[in-house]
Amino acid sequence: MATAFNEKSVKAEASAPGIAWQRLLADQRVKGARLTLDRLTVAPGATVRFEPAANSLGWLQLLQGEGKLKSLYTDRVSASHSALLPPGFNAALSTVEGASLLYAEIGNAERLDPEFLAKTRDLP
């Protein structure tokens, strides 16, 4: 059975000053979901931090706006950018004028690839 929803039908919750999260996809909404998918709205001047768990893989895609993604390096990002975040990798997105983005995380990624942790162990 299909489940239909969009960001307007999912309540936004504040996770930090200037950060609103909407959990679009998770096991609670779609049984058997192997990932979470969130839509984030970042207010002007705010910073949101990402750190996938030690056995998870993260991904983000800017939808609107631009900002600076800081990790090992700092890069300007806009709606044409996405980033893959390895397990335990710290990154922060700050924005002067505001932004919206999607953030997905595959938890327990080793269930999809038994060699996942060994393959990602030496990533920054």
PDB file of N, CA and C in Angstrom:
ATOM      1  N   MET A   1       0.841  -1.167   0.000  1.00  0.00           N
ATOM      2  CA  MET A   1       0.000   0.000   0.000  1.00  0.00           C
ATOM      3  C   MET A   1       0.893   1.240   0.000  1.00  0.00           C
ATOM      4  N   ALA A   2       0.551   2.212  -0.791  1.00  0.00           N
ATOM      5  CA  ALA A   2       1.313   3.452  -0.898  1.00  0.00           C
ATOM      6  C   ALA A   2       0.936   4.412   0.228  1.00  0.00           C
ATOM      7  N   THR A   3       1.910   5.196   0.645  1.00  0.00           N
ATOM      8  CA  THR A   3       1.685   6.245   1.635  1.00  0.00           C
ATOM      9  C   THR A   3       2.023   7.563   0.967  1.00  0.00           C
ATOM     10  N   ALA A   4       1.080   8.485   0.928  1.00  0.00           N
ATOM     11  CA  ALA A   4       1.313   9.781   0.284  1.00  0.00           C
ATOM     12  C   ALA A   4       1.372  10.881   1.340  1.00  0.00           C
ATOM     13  N   PHE A   5       2.370  11.749   1.214  1.00  0.00           N
ATOM     14  CA  PHE A   5       2.498  12.899   2.091  1.00  0.00           C
ATOM     15  C   PHE A   5       3.449  13.879   1.433  1.00  0.00           C
ATOM     16  N   ASN A   6       3.439  15.111   1.916  1.00  0.00           N
ATOM     17  CA  ASN A   6       4.430  16.087   1.490  1.00  0.00           C
ATOM     18  C   ASN A   6       4.801  16.922   2.700  1.00  0.00           C
ATOM     19  N   GLU A   7       5.719  17.858   2.523  1.00  0.00           N
ATOM     20  CA  GLU A   7       6.208  18.596   3.687  1.00  0.00           C
ATOM     21  C   GLU A   7       5.128  19.426   4.349  1.00  0.00           C
ATOM     22  N   LYS A   8       4.067  19.781   3.628  1.00  0.00           N
ATOM     23  CA  LYS A   8       2.993  20.572   4.228  1.00  0.00           C
ATOM     24  C   LYS A   8       2.132  19.750   5.189  1.00  0.00           C
ATOM     25  N   SER A   9       2.167  18.443   5.045  1.00  0.00           N
ATOM     26  CA  SER A   9       1.359  17.596   5.921  1.00  0.00           C
ATOM     27  C   SER A   9       2.143  17.030   7.102  1.00  0.00           C
ATOM     28  N   VAL A  10       3.423  17.403   7.217  1.00  0.00           N
ATOM     29  CA  VAL A  10       4.266  16.904   8.306  1.00  0.00           C
ATOM     30  C   VAL A  10       4.644  18.069   9.210  1.00  0.00           C
ATOM     31  N   LYS A  11       4.330  17.942  10.480  1.00  0.00           N
ATOM     32  CA  LYS A  11       4.599  19.004  11.443  1.00  0.00           C
ATOM     33  C   LYS A  11       6.101  19.237  11.598  1.00  0.00           C
ATOM     34  N   ALA A  12       6.501  20.503  11.587  1.00  0.00           N
ATOM     35  CA  ALA A  12       7.904  20.873  11.817  1.00  0.00           C
ATOM     36  C   ALA A  12       8.143  21.000  13.310  1.00  0.00           C
ATOM     37  N   GLU A  13       9.294  20.522  13.756  1.00  0.00           N
ATOM     38  CA  GLU A  13       9.667  20.615  15.164  1.00  0.00           C
ATOM     39  C   GLU A  13      11.011  21.320  15.271  1.00  0.00           C
ATOM     40  N   ALA A  14      11.118  22.228  16.208  1.00  0.00           N
ATOM     41  CA  ALA A  14      12.378  22.936  16.425  1.00  0.00           C
ATOM     42  C   ALA A  14      13.348  22.016  17.148  1.00  0.00           C
ATOM     43  N   SER A  15      14.561  21.930  16.633  1.00  0.00           N
ATOM     44  CA  SER A  15      15.570  21.098  17.286  1.00  0.00           C
ATOM     45  C   SER A  15      16.646  21.951  17.943  1.00  0.00           C
ATOM     46  N   ALA A  16      16.771  23.178  17.486  1.00  0.00           N
ATOM     47  CA  ALA A  16      17.730  24.150  18.016  1.00  0.00           C
ATOM     48  C   ALA A  16      17.236  25.511  17.541  1.00  0.00           C
ATOM     49  N   PRO A  17      17.726  26.588  18.125  1.00  0.00           N
ATOM     50  CA  PRO A  17      17.283  27.904  17.652  1.00  0.00           C
ATOM     51  C   PRO A  17      17.534  28.082  16.147  1.00  0.00           C
ATOM     52  N   GLY A  18      16.469  28.394  15.433  1.00  0.00           N
ATOM     53  CA  GLY A  18      16.571  28.631  13.995  1.00  0.00           C
ATOM     54  C   GLY A  18      16.569  27.395  13.129  1.00  0.00           C
ATOM     55  N   ILE A  19      16.346  26.216  13.705  1.00  0.00           N
ATOM     56  CA  ILE A  19      16.362  24.965  12.946  1.00  0.00           C
ATOM     57  C   ILE A  19      15.018  24.255  13.126  1.00  0.00           C
ATOM     58  N   ALA A  20      14.326  24.000  12.021  1.00  0.00           N
ATOM     59  CA  ALA A  20      13.073  23.242  12.050  1.00  0.00           C
ATOM     60  C   ALA A  20      13.264  21.949  11.260  1.00  0.00           C
ATOM     61  N   TRP A  21      12.942  20.816  11.893  1.00  0.00           N
ATOM     62  CA  TRP A  21      13.077  19.493  11.283  1.00  0.00           C
ATOM     63  C   TRP A  21      11.696  18.934  10.988  1.00  0.00           C
ATOM     64  N   GLN A  22      11.565  18.308   9.843  1.00  0.00           N
ATOM     65  CA  GLN A  22      10.354  17.560   9.513  1.00  0.00           C
ATOM     66  C   GLN A  22      10.784  16.146   9.139  1.00  0.00           C
ATOM     67  N   ARG A  23      10.372  15.169   9.909  1.00  0.00           N
ATOM     68  CA  ARG A  23      10.704  13.773   9.627  1.00  0.00           C
ATOM     69  C   ARG A  23       9.735  13.274   8.562  1.00  0.00           C
ATOM     70  N   LEU A  24      10.207  13.209   7.313  1.00  0.00           N
ATOM     71  CA  LEU A  24       9.353  12.805   6.200  1.00  0.00           C
ATOM     72  C   LEU A  24       9.254  11.294   6.068  1.00  0.00           C
ATOM     73  N   LEU A  25      10.363  10.622   6.278  1.00  0.00           N
ATOM     74  CA  LEU A  25      10.381   9.176   6.079  1.00  0.00           C
ATOM     75  C   LEU A  25      11.123   8.524   7.235  1.00  0.00           C
ATOM     76  N   ALA A  26      10.472   7.561   7.842  1.00  0.00           N
ATOM     77  CA  ALA A  26      11.065   6.772   8.920  1.00  0.00           C
ATOM     78  C   ALA A  26      10.183   5.548   9.119  1.00  0.00           C
ATOM     79  N   ASP A  27      10.642   4.612   9.897  1.00  0.00           N
ATOM     80  CA  ASP A  27       9.896   3.383  10.124  1.00  0.00           C
ATOM     81  C   ASP A  27       8.518   3.654  10.733  1.00  0.00           C
ATOM     82  N   GLN A  28       8.387   4.730  11.516  1.00  0.00           N
ATOM     83  CA  GLN A  28       7.093   5.048  12.124  1.00  0.00           C
ATOM     84  C   GLN A  28       6.053   5.420  11.056  1.00  0.00           C
ATOM     85  N   ARG A  29       6.487   6.006   9.944  1.00  0.00           N
ATOM     86  CA  ARG A  29       5.571   6.417   8.883  1.00  0.00           C
ATOM     87  C   ARG A  29       5.439   5.333   7.811  1.00  0.00           C
ATOM     88  N   VAL A  30       6.559   4.713   7.475  1.00  0.00           N
ATOM     89  CA  VAL A  30       6.581   3.670   6.439  1.00  0.00           C
ATOM     90  C   VAL A  30       7.290   2.452   7.028  1.00  0.00           C
ATOM     91  N   LYS A  31       6.531   1.444   7.352  1.00  0.00           N
ATOM     92  CA  LYS A  31       7.110   0.251   7.967  1.00  0.00           C
ATOM     93  C   LYS A  31       8.168  -0.350   7.051  1.00  0.00           C
ATOM     94  N   GLY A  32       9.286  -0.707   7.658  1.00  0.00           N
ATOM     95  CA  GLY A  32      10.373  -1.310   6.900  1.00  0.00           C
ATOM     96  C   GLY A  32      11.315  -0.303   6.259  1.00  0.00           C
ATOM     97  N   ALA A  33      11.092   0.988   6.519  1.00  0.00           N
ATOM     98  CA  ALA A  33      11.999   1.996   5.962  1.00  0.00           C
ATOM     99  C   ALA A  33      13.394   1.739   6.522  1.00  0.00           C
ATOM    100  N   ARG A  34      14.364   1.744   5.675  1.00  0.00           N
ATOM    101  CA  ARG A  34      15.737   1.478   6.108  1.00  0.00           C
ATOM    102  C   ARG A  34      16.548   2.754   6.235  1.00  0.00           C
ATOM    103  N   LEU A  35      15.849   3.887   6.196  1.00  0.00           N
ATOM    104  CA  LEU A  35      16.534   5.162   6.335  1.00  0.00           C
ATOM    105  C   LEU A  35      15.574   6.185   6.893  1.00  0.00           C
ATOM    106  N   THR A  36      16.134   7.290   7.319  1.00  0.00           N
ATOM    107  CA  THR A  36      15.307   8.430   7.690  1.00  0.00           C
ATOM    108  C   THR A  36      15.552   9.513   6.649  1.00  0.00           C
ATOM    109  N   LEU A  37      14.526  10.273   6.359  1.00  0.00           N
ATOM    110  CA  LEU A  37      14.625  11.395   5.434  1.00  0.00           C
ATOM    111  C   LEU A  37      13.946  12.583   6.101  1.00  0.00           C
ATOM    112  N   ASP A  38      14.714  13.635   6.312  1.00  0.00           N
ATOM    113  CA  ASP A  38      14.222  14.829   6.983  1.00  0.00           C
ATOM    114  C   ASP A  38      14.317  16.025   6.050  1.00  0.00           C
ATOM    115  N   ARG A  39      13.382  16.937   6.208  1.00  0.00           N
ATOM    116  CA  ARG A  39      13.455  18.241   5.542  1.00  0.00           C
ATOM    117  C   ARG A  39      13.766  19.249   6.633  1.00  0.00           C
ATOM    118  N   LEU A  40      14.819  20.009   6.433  1.00  0.00           N
ATOM    119  CA  LEU A  40      15.236  20.996   7.417  1.00  0.00           C
ATOM    120  C   LEU A  40      15.080  22.388   6.843  1.00  0.00           C
ATOM    121  N   THR A  41      14.636  23.297   7.684  1.00  0.00           N
ATOM    122  CA  THR A  41      14.607  24.712   7.343  1.00  0.00           C
ATOM    123  C   THR A  41      15.547  25.401   8.322  1.00  0.00           C
ATOM    124  N   VAL A  42      16.533  26.102   7.760  1.00  0.00           N
ATOM    125  CA  VAL A  42      17.558  26.766   8.561  1.00  0.00           C
ATOM    126  C   VAL A  42      17.331  28.269   8.426  1.00  0.00           C
ATOM    127  N   ALA A  43      17.069  28.933   9.533  1.00  0.00           N
ATOM    128  CA  ALA A  43      16.783  30.374   9.532  1.00  0.00           C
ATOM    129  C   ALA A  43      18.056  31.164   9.242  1.00  0.00           C
ATOM    130  N   PRO A  44      17.897  32.392   8.759  1.00  0.00           N
ATOM    131  CA  PRO A  44      19.075  33.244   8.528  1.00  0.00           C
ATOM    132  C   PRO A  44      19.928  33.347   9.796  1.00  0.00           C
ATOM    133  N   GLY A  45      21.230  33.163   9.627  1.00  0.00           N
ATOM    134  CA  GLY A  45      22.171  33.262  10.729  1.00  0.00           C
ATOM    135  C   GLY A  45      22.315  32.007  11.572  1.00  0.00           C
ATOM    136  N   ALA A  46      21.554  30.963  11.269  1.00  0.00           N
ATOM    137  CA  ALA A  46      21.592  29.737  12.072  1.00  0.00           C
ATOM    138  C   ALA A  46      22.601  28.731  11.514  1.00  0.00           C
ATOM    139  N   THR A  47      22.956  27.768  12.343  1.00  0.00           N
ATOM    140  CA  THR A  47      23.872  26.686  11.962  1.00  0.00           C
ATOM    141  C   THR A  47      23.261  25.370  12.394  1.00  0.00           C
ATOM    142  N   VAL A  48      23.296  24.386  11.504  1.00  0.00           N
ATOM    143  CA  VAL A  48      22.823  23.046  11.830  1.00  0.00           C
ATOM    144  C   VAL A  48      24.013  22.095  11.722  1.00  0.00           C
ATOM    145  N   ARG A  49      24.096  21.172  12.676  1.00  0.00           N
ATOM    146  CA  ARG A  49      25.214  20.233  12.724  1.00  0.00           C
ATOM    147  C   ARG A  49      24.745  18.830  12.350  1.00  0.00           C
ATOM    148  N   PHE A  50      25.636  18.115  11.666  1.00  0.00           N
ATOM    149  CA  PHE A  50      25.367  16.746  11.241  1.00  0.00           C
ATOM    150  C   PHE A  50      26.496  15.857  11.735  1.00  0.00           C
ATOM    151  N   GLU A  51      26.134  14.703  12.253  1.00  0.00           N
ATOM    152  CA  GLU A  51      27.122  13.686  12.600  1.00  0.00           C
ATOM    153  C   GLU A  51      26.442  12.327  12.529  1.00  0.00           C
ATOM    154  N   PRO A  52      26.551  11.673  11.371  1.00  0.00           N
ATOM    155  CA  PRO A  52      25.974  10.328  11.279  1.00  0.00           C
ATOM    156  C   PRO A  52      26.584   9.422  12.349  1.00  0.00           C
ATOM    157  N   ALA A  53      25.805   8.490  12.824  1.00  0.00           N
ATOM    158  CA  ALA A  53      26.292   7.541  13.826  1.00  0.00           C
ATOM    159  C   ALA A  53      27.478   6.755  13.264  1.00  0.00           C
ATOM    160  N   ALA A  54      28.178   6.059  14.138  1.00  0.00           N
ATOM    161  CA  ALA A  54      29.393   5.339  13.750  1.00  0.00           C
ATOM    162  C   ALA A  54      29.136   4.216  12.752  1.00  0.00           C
ATOM    163  N   ASN A  55      27.881   3.793  12.607  1.00  0.00           N
ATOM    164  CA  ASN A  55      27.565   2.733  11.646  1.00  0.00           C
ATOM    165  C   ASN A  55      26.553   3.210  10.598  1.00  0.00           C
ATOM    166  N   SER A  56      26.475   4.528  10.408  1.00  0.00           N
ATOM    167  CA  SER A  56      25.493   5.110   9.489  1.00  0.00           C
ATOM    168  C   SER A  56      26.154   5.934   8.403  1.00  0.00           C
ATOM    169  N   LEU A  57      25.413   6.153   7.349  1.00  0.00           N
ATOM    170  CA  LEU A  57      25.861   6.965   6.224  1.00  0.00           C
ATOM    171  C   LEU A  57      24.865   8.109   6.060  1.00  0.00           C
ATOM    172  N   GLY A  58      25.343   9.337   5.976  1.00  0.00           N
ATOM    173  CA  GLY A  58      24.476  10.502   5.838  1.00  0.00           C
ATOM    174  C   GLY A  58      24.607  11.140   4.468  1.00  0.00           C
ATOM    175  N   TRP A  59      23.576  11.852   4.065  1.00  0.00           N
ATOM    176  CA  TRP A  59      23.564  12.553   2.777  1.00  0.00           C
ATOM    177  C   TRP A  59      22.703  13.795   2.927  1.00  0.00           C
ATOM    178  N   LEU A  60      23.153  14.907   2.379  1.00  0.00           N
ATOM    179  CA  LEU A  60      22.318  16.104   2.387  1.00  0.00           C
ATOM    180  C   LEU A  60      22.288  16.747   1.011  1.00  0.00           C
ATOM    181  N   GLN A  61      21.163  17.396   0.715  1.00  0.00           N
ATOM    182  CA  GLN A  61      20.934  18.068  -0.563  1.00  0.00           C
ATOM    183  C   GLN A  61      20.250  19.391  -0.272  1.00  0.00           C
ATOM    184  N   LEU A  62      20.898  20.483  -0.644  1.00  0.00           N
ATOM    185  CA  LEU A  62      20.259  21.785  -0.488  1.00  0.00           C
ATOM    186  C   LEU A  62      19.132  21.913  -1.499  1.00  0.00           C
ATOM    187  N   LEU A  63      17.996  22.442  -1.039  1.00  0.00           N
ATOM    188  CA  LEU A  63      16.844  22.680  -1.908  1.00  0.00           C
ATOM    189  C   LEU A  63      16.737  24.151  -2.291  1.00  0.00           C
ATOM    190  N   GLN A  64      16.972  25.015  -1.311  1.00  0.00           N
ATOM    191  CA  GLN A  64      16.896  26.467  -1.513  1.00  0.00           C
ATOM    192  C   GLN A  64      17.949  27.137  -0.656  1.00  0.00           C
ATOM    193  N   GLY A  65      18.401  28.286  -1.135  1.00  0.00           N
ATOM    194  CA  GLY A  65      19.345  29.075  -0.358  1.00  0.00           C
ATOM    195  C   GLY A  65      20.778  28.639  -0.596  1.00  0.00           C
ATOM    196  N   GLU A  66      21.646  29.209   0.214  1.00  0.00           N
ATOM    197  CA  GLU A  66      23.051  28.841   0.153  1.00  0.00           C
ATOM    198  C   GLU A  66      23.661  29.013   1.529  1.00  0.00           C
ATOM    199  N   GLY A  67      24.827  28.455   1.690  1.00  0.00           N
ATOM    200  CA  GLY A  67      25.495  28.543   2.978  1.00  0.00           C
ATOM    201  C   GLY A  67      26.917  28.061   2.871  1.00  0.00           C
ATOM    202  N   LYS A  68      27.494  27.803   4.025  1.00  0.00           N
ATOM    203  CA  LYS A  68      28.847  27.266   4.096  1.00  0.00           C
ATOM    204  C   LYS A  68      28.779  25.939   4.833  1.00  0.00           C
ATOM    205  N   LEU A  69      29.357  24.922   4.210  1.00  0.00           N
ATOM    206  CA  LEU A  69      29.440  23.608   4.818  1.00  0.00           C
ATOM    207  C   LEU A  69      30.850  23.453   5.354  1.00  0.00           C
ATOM    208  N   LYS A  70      30.952  23.288   6.662  1.00  0.00           N
ATOM    209  CA  LYS A  70      32.262  23.206   7.297  1.00  0.00           C
ATOM    210  C   LYS A  70      32.478  21.805   7.837  1.00  0.00           C
ATOM    211  N   SER A  71      33.598  21.225   7.446  1.00  0.00           N
ATOM    212  CA  SER A  71      34.029  19.933   7.975  1.00  0.00           C
ATOM    213  C   SER A  71      35.552  20.000   8.042  1.00  0.00           C
ATOM    214  N   LEU A  72      36.248  19.172   7.292  1.00  0.00           N
ATOM    215  CA  LEU A  72      37.700  19.305   7.215  1.00  0.00           C
ATOM    216  C   LEU A  72      38.070  20.606   6.507  1.00  0.00           C
ATOM    217  N   TYR A  73      37.252  20.987   5.563  1.00  0.00           N
ATOM    218  CA  TYR A  73      37.398  22.234   4.805  1.00  0.00           C
ATOM    219  C   TYR A  73      36.071  22.971   4.883  1.00  0.00           C
ATOM    220  N   THR A  74      36.068  24.217   4.465  1.00  0.00           N
ATOM    221  CA  THR A  74      34.835  24.995   4.403  1.00  0.00           C
ATOM    222  C   THR A  74      34.568  25.321   2.943  1.00  0.00           C
ATOM    223  N   ASP A  75      33.376  24.974   2.477  1.00  0.00           N
ATOM    224  CA  ASP A  75      32.987  25.213   1.092  1.00  0.00           C
ATOM    225  C   ASP A  75      31.644  25.901   1.037  1.00  0.00           C
ATOM    226  N   ARG A  76      31.487  26.805   0.059  1.00  0.00           N
ATOM    227  CA  ARG A  76      30.198  27.429  -0.189  1.00  0.00           C
ATOM    228  C   ARG A  76      29.327  26.408  -0.907  1.00  0.00           C
ATOM    229  N   VAL A  77      28.081  26.288  -0.477  1.00  0.00           N
ATOM    230  CA  VAL A  77      27.143  25.349  -1.092  1.00  0.00           C
ATOM    231  C   VAL A  77      25.852  26.077  -1.431  1.00  0.00           C
ATOM    232  N   SER A  78      25.185  25.590  -2.464  1.00  0.00           N
ATOM    233  CA  SER A  78      23.904  26.160  -2.889  1.00  0.00           C
ATOM    234  C   SER A  78      22.987  25.013  -3.308  1.00  0.00           C
ATOM    235  N   ALA A  79      21.863  25.352  -3.898  1.00  0.00           N
ATOM    236  CA  ALA A  79      20.851  24.350  -4.228  1.00  0.00           C
ATOM    237  C   ALA A  79      21.319  23.328  -5.264  1.00  0.00           C
ATOM    238  N   SER A  80      22.462  23.527  -5.861  1.00  0.00           N
ATOM    239  CA  SER A  80      22.971  22.532  -6.804  1.00  0.00           C
ATOM    240  C   SER A  80      23.971  21.587  -6.143  1.00  0.00           C
ATOM    241  N   HIS A  81      24.103  21.648  -4.816  1.00  0.00           N
ATOM    242  CA  HIS A  81      25.086  20.835  -4.114  1.00  0.00           C
ATOM    243  C   HIS A  81      24.451  19.777  -3.215  1.00  0.00           C
ATOM    244  N   SER A  82      25.159  18.676  -3.125  1.00  0.00           N
ATOM    245  CA  SER A  82      24.825  17.642  -2.149  1.00  0.00           C
ATOM    246  C   SER A  82      26.131  17.163  -1.528  1.00  0.00           C
ATOM    247  N   ALA A  83      26.030  16.479  -0.411  1.00  0.00           N
ATOM    248  CA  ALA A  83      27.222  15.976   0.269  1.00  0.00           C
ATOM    249  C   ALA A  83      26.924  14.614   0.877  1.00  0.00           C
ATOM    250  N   LEU A  84      27.875  13.718   0.782  1.00  0.00           N
ATOM    251  CA  LEU A  84      27.807  12.406   1.398  1.00  0.00           C
ATOM    252  C   LEU A  84      28.661  12.452   2.657  1.00  0.00           C
ATOM    253  N   LEU A  85      28.097  12.052   3.779  1.00  0.00           N
ATOM    254  CA  LEU A  85      28.792  12.127   5.058  1.00  0.00           C
ATOM    255  C   LEU A  85      29.079  10.716   5.564  1.00  0.00           C
ATOM    256  N   PRO A  86      30.349  10.350   5.674  1.00  0.00           N
ATOM    257  CA  PRO A  86      30.694   9.016   6.166  1.00  0.00           C
ATOM    258  C   PRO A  86      30.365   8.858   7.650  1.00  0.00           C
ATOM    259  N   PRO A  87      30.433   7.652   8.162  1.00  0.00           N
ATOM    260  CA  PRO A  87      30.100   7.396   9.565  1.00  0.00           C
ATOM    261  C   PRO A  87      30.897   8.278  10.519  1.00  0.00           C
ATOM    262  N   GLY A  88      30.197   8.860  11.501  1.00  0.00           N
ATOM    263  CA  GLY A  88      30.842   9.655  12.530  1.00  0.00           C
ATOM    264  C   GLY A  88      31.481  10.944  12.050  1.00  0.00           C
ATOM    265  N   PHE A  89      31.198  11.362  10.845  1.00  0.00           N
ATOM    266  CA  PHE A  89      31.826  12.548  10.251  1.00  0.00           C
ATOM    267  C   PHE A  89      31.085  13.803  10.695  1.00  0.00           C
ATOM    268  N   ASN A  90      31.799  14.736  11.297  1.00  0.00           N
ATOM    269  CA  ASN A  90      31.195  15.985  11.767  1.00  0.00           C
ATOM    270  C   ASN A  90      31.153  17.006  10.641  1.00  0.00           C
ATOM    271  N   ALA A  91      30.016  17.630  10.452  1.00  0.00           N
ATOM    272  CA  ALA A  91      29.869  18.714   9.484  1.00  0.00           C
ATOM    273  C   ALA A  91      28.844  19.695  10.029  1.00  0.00           C
ATOM    274  N   ALA A  92      28.967  20.951   9.624  1.00  0.00           N
ATOM    275  CA  ALA A  92      28.023  21.987  10.052  1.00  0.00           C
ATOM    276  C   ALA A  92      27.690  22.860   8.861  1.00  0.00           C
ATOM    277  N   LEU A  93      26.427  23.173   8.697  1.00  0.00           N
ATOM    278  CA  LEU A  93      25.966  24.067   7.644  1.00  0.00           C
ATOM    279  C   LEU A  93      25.484  25.354   8.284  1.00  0.00           C
ATOM    280  N   SER A  94      26.088  26.467   7.893  1.00  0.00           N
ATOM    281  CA  SER A  94      25.639  27.769   8.378  1.00  0.00           C
ATOM    282  C   SER A  94      25.156  28.577   7.182  1.00  0.00           C
ATOM    283  N   THR A  95      24.196  29.459   7.429  1.00  0.00           N
ATOM    284  CA  THR A  95      23.631  30.246   6.350  1.00  0.00           C
ATOM    285  C   THR A  95      23.353  31.672   6.823  1.00  0.00           C
ATOM    286  N   VAL A  96      23.634  32.619   5.951  1.00  0.00           N
ATOM    287  CA  VAL A  96      23.394  34.021   6.268  1.00  0.00           C
ATOM    288  C   VAL A  96      21.945  34.388   5.975  1.00  0.00           C
ATOM    289  N   GLU A  97      21.412  33.886   4.859  1.00  0.00           N
ATOM    290  CA  GLU A  97      20.073  34.278   4.414  1.00  0.00           C
ATOM    291  C   GLU A  97      19.014  33.191   4.578  1.00  0.00           C
ATOM    292  N   GLY A  98      19.373  32.029   5.129  1.00  0.00           N
ATOM    293  CA  GLY A  98      18.423  30.936   5.295  1.00  0.00           C
ATOM    294  C   GLY A  98      18.560  29.907   4.185  1.00  0.00           C
ATOM    295  N   ALA A  99      18.108  28.697   4.473  1.00  0.00           N
ATOM    296  CA  ALA A  99      18.190  27.610   3.499  1.00  0.00           C
ATOM    297  C   ALA A  99      17.218  26.510   3.886  1.00  0.00           C
ATOM    298  N   SER A 100      16.907  25.660   2.927  1.00  0.00           N
ATOM    299  CA  SER A 100      16.169  24.438   3.214  1.00  0.00           C
ATOM    300  C   SER A 100      16.918  23.296   2.534  1.00  0.00           C
ATOM    301  N   LEU A 101      16.819  22.120   3.131  1.00  0.00           N
ATOM    302  CA  LEU A 101      17.569  20.989   2.606  1.00  0.00           C
ATOM    303  C   LEU A 101      16.922  19.685   3.009  1.00  0.00           C
ATOM    304  N   LEU A 102      17.311  18.637   2.327  1.00  0.00           N
ATOM    305  CA  LEU A 102      16.943  17.281   2.702  1.00  0.00           C
ATOM    306  C   LEU A 102      18.152  16.642   3.350  1.00  0.00           C
ATOM    307  N   TYR A 103      17.911  15.842   4.393  1.00  0.00           N
ATOM    308  CA  TYR A 103      18.982  15.090   5.035  1.00  0.00           C
ATOM    309  C   TYR A 103      18.504  13.656   5.210  1.00  0.00           C
ATOM    310  N   ALA A 104      19.255  12.722   4.644  1.00  0.00           N
ATOM    311  CA  ALA A 104      18.931  11.300   4.765  1.00  0.00           C
ATOM    312  C   ALA A 104      20.039  10.611   5.550  1.00  0.00           C
ATOM    313  N   GLU A 105      19.648   9.614   6.317  1.00  0.00           N
ATOM    314  CA  GLU A 105      20.641   8.818   7.025  1.00  0.00           C
ATOM    315  C   GLU A 105      20.231   7.354   6.971  1.00  0.00           C
ATOM    316  N   ILE A 106      21.168   6.536   6.525  1.00  0.00           N
ATOM    317  CA  ILE A 106      20.973   5.090   6.512  1.00  0.00           C
ATOM    318  C   ILE A 106      21.629   4.554   7.770  1.00  0.00           C
ATOM    319  N   GLY A 107      20.813   4.134   8.718  1.00  0.00           N
ATOM    320  CA  GLY A 107      21.328   3.583   9.966  1.00  0.00           C
ATOM    321  C   GLY A 107      21.678   2.115   9.812  1.00  0.00           C
ATOM    322  N   ASN A 108      22.614   1.662  10.602  1.00  0.00           N
ATOM    323  CA  ASN A 108      23.047   0.259  10.546  1.00  0.00           C
ATOM    324  C   ASN A 108      23.319  -0.173   9.109  1.00  0.00           C
ATOM    325  N   ALA A 109      24.133   0.606   8.423  1.00  0.00           N
ATOM    326  CA  ALA A 109      24.403   0.368   6.999  1.00  0.00           C
ATOM    327  C   ALA A 109      25.057  -0.983   6.738  1.00  0.00           C
ATOM    328  N   GLU A 110      25.649  -1.583   7.752  1.00  0.00           N
ATOM    329  CA  GLU A 110      26.273  -2.886   7.538  1.00  0.00           C
ATOM    330  C   GLU A 110      25.254  -3.975   7.228  1.00  0.00           C
ATOM    331  N   ARG A 111      23.968  -3.740   7.518  1.00  0.00           N
ATOM    332  CA  ARG A 111      22.948  -4.739   7.155  1.00  0.00           C
ATOM    333  C   ARG A 111      22.746  -4.766   5.642  1.00  0.00           C
ATOM    334  N   LEU A 112      23.090  -3.662   4.957  1.00  0.00           N
ATOM    335  CA  LEU A 112      22.999  -3.612   3.497  1.00  0.00           C
ATOM    336  C   LEU A 112      24.295  -4.064   2.839  1.00  0.00           C
ATOM    337  N   ASP A 113      25.407  -3.849   3.532  1.00  0.00           N
ATOM    338  CA  ASP A 113      26.728  -4.237   3.030  1.00  0.00           C
ATOM    339  C   ASP A 113      27.539  -4.700   4.227  1.00  0.00           C
ATOM    340  N   PRO A 114      27.724  -5.998   4.400  1.00  0.00           N
ATOM    341  CA  PRO A 114      28.447  -6.502   5.566  1.00  0.00           C
ATOM    342  C   PRO A 114      29.869  -5.939   5.698  1.00  0.00           C
ATOM    343  N   GLU A 115      30.447  -5.442   4.627  1.00  0.00           N
ATOM    344  CA  GLU A 115      31.796  -4.884   4.670  1.00  0.00           C
ATOM    345  C   GLU A 115      31.789  -3.365   4.826  1.00  0.00           C
ATOM    346  N   PHE A 116      30.625  -2.763   5.082  1.00  0.00           N
ATOM    347  CA  PHE A 116      30.496  -1.310   5.148  1.00  0.00           C
ATOM    348  C   PHE A 116      31.462  -0.680   6.144  1.00  0.00           C
ATOM    349  N   LEU A 117      31.500  -1.176   7.364  1.00  0.00           N
ATOM    350  CA  LEU A 117      32.363  -0.574   8.385  1.00  0.00           C
ATOM    351  C   LEU A 117      33.834  -0.694   8.025  1.00  0.00           C
ATOM    352  N   ALA A 118      34.233  -1.827   7.467  1.00  0.00           N
ATOM    353  CA  ALA A 118      35.637  -2.003   7.065  1.00  0.00           C
ATOM    354  C   ALA A 118      35.984  -1.048   5.922  1.00  0.00           C
ATOM    355  N   LYS A 119      35.060  -0.830   5.005  1.00  0.00           N
ATOM    356  CA  LYS A 119      35.305   0.046   3.860  1.00  0.00           C
ATOM    357  C   LYS A 119      35.388   1.520   4.267  1.00  0.00           C
ATOM    358  N   THR A 120      34.685   1.898   5.321  1.00  0.00           N
ATOM    359  CA  THR A 120      34.618   3.316   5.704  1.00  0.00           C
ATOM    360  C   THR A 120      35.503   3.646   6.909  1.00  0.00           C
ATOM    361  N   ARG A 121      36.181   2.698   7.453  1.00  0.00           N
ATOM    362  CA  ARG A 121      36.982   2.892   8.662  1.00  0.00           C
ATOM    363  C   ARG A 121      38.036   3.979   8.500  1.00  0.00           C
ATOM    364  N   ASP A 122      38.678   4.074   7.341  1.00  0.00           N
ATOM    365  CA  ASP A 122      39.777   5.009   7.144  1.00  0.00           C
ATOM    366  C   ASP A 122      39.361   6.335   6.500  1.00  0.00           C
ATOM    367  N   LEU A 123      38.062   6.557   6.332  1.00  0.00           N
ATOM    368  CA  LEU A 123      37.606   7.835   5.795  1.00  0.00           C
ATOM    369  C   LEU A 123      37.790   8.906   6.860  1.00  0.00           C
ATOM    370  N   PRO A 124      37.960  10.166   6.440  1.00  0.00           N
ATOM    371  CA  PRO A 124      38.216  11.253   7.408  1.00  0.00           C
ATOM    372  C   PRO A 124      37.141  11.419   8.458  1.00  0.00           C
TER     373      PRO A 124
END
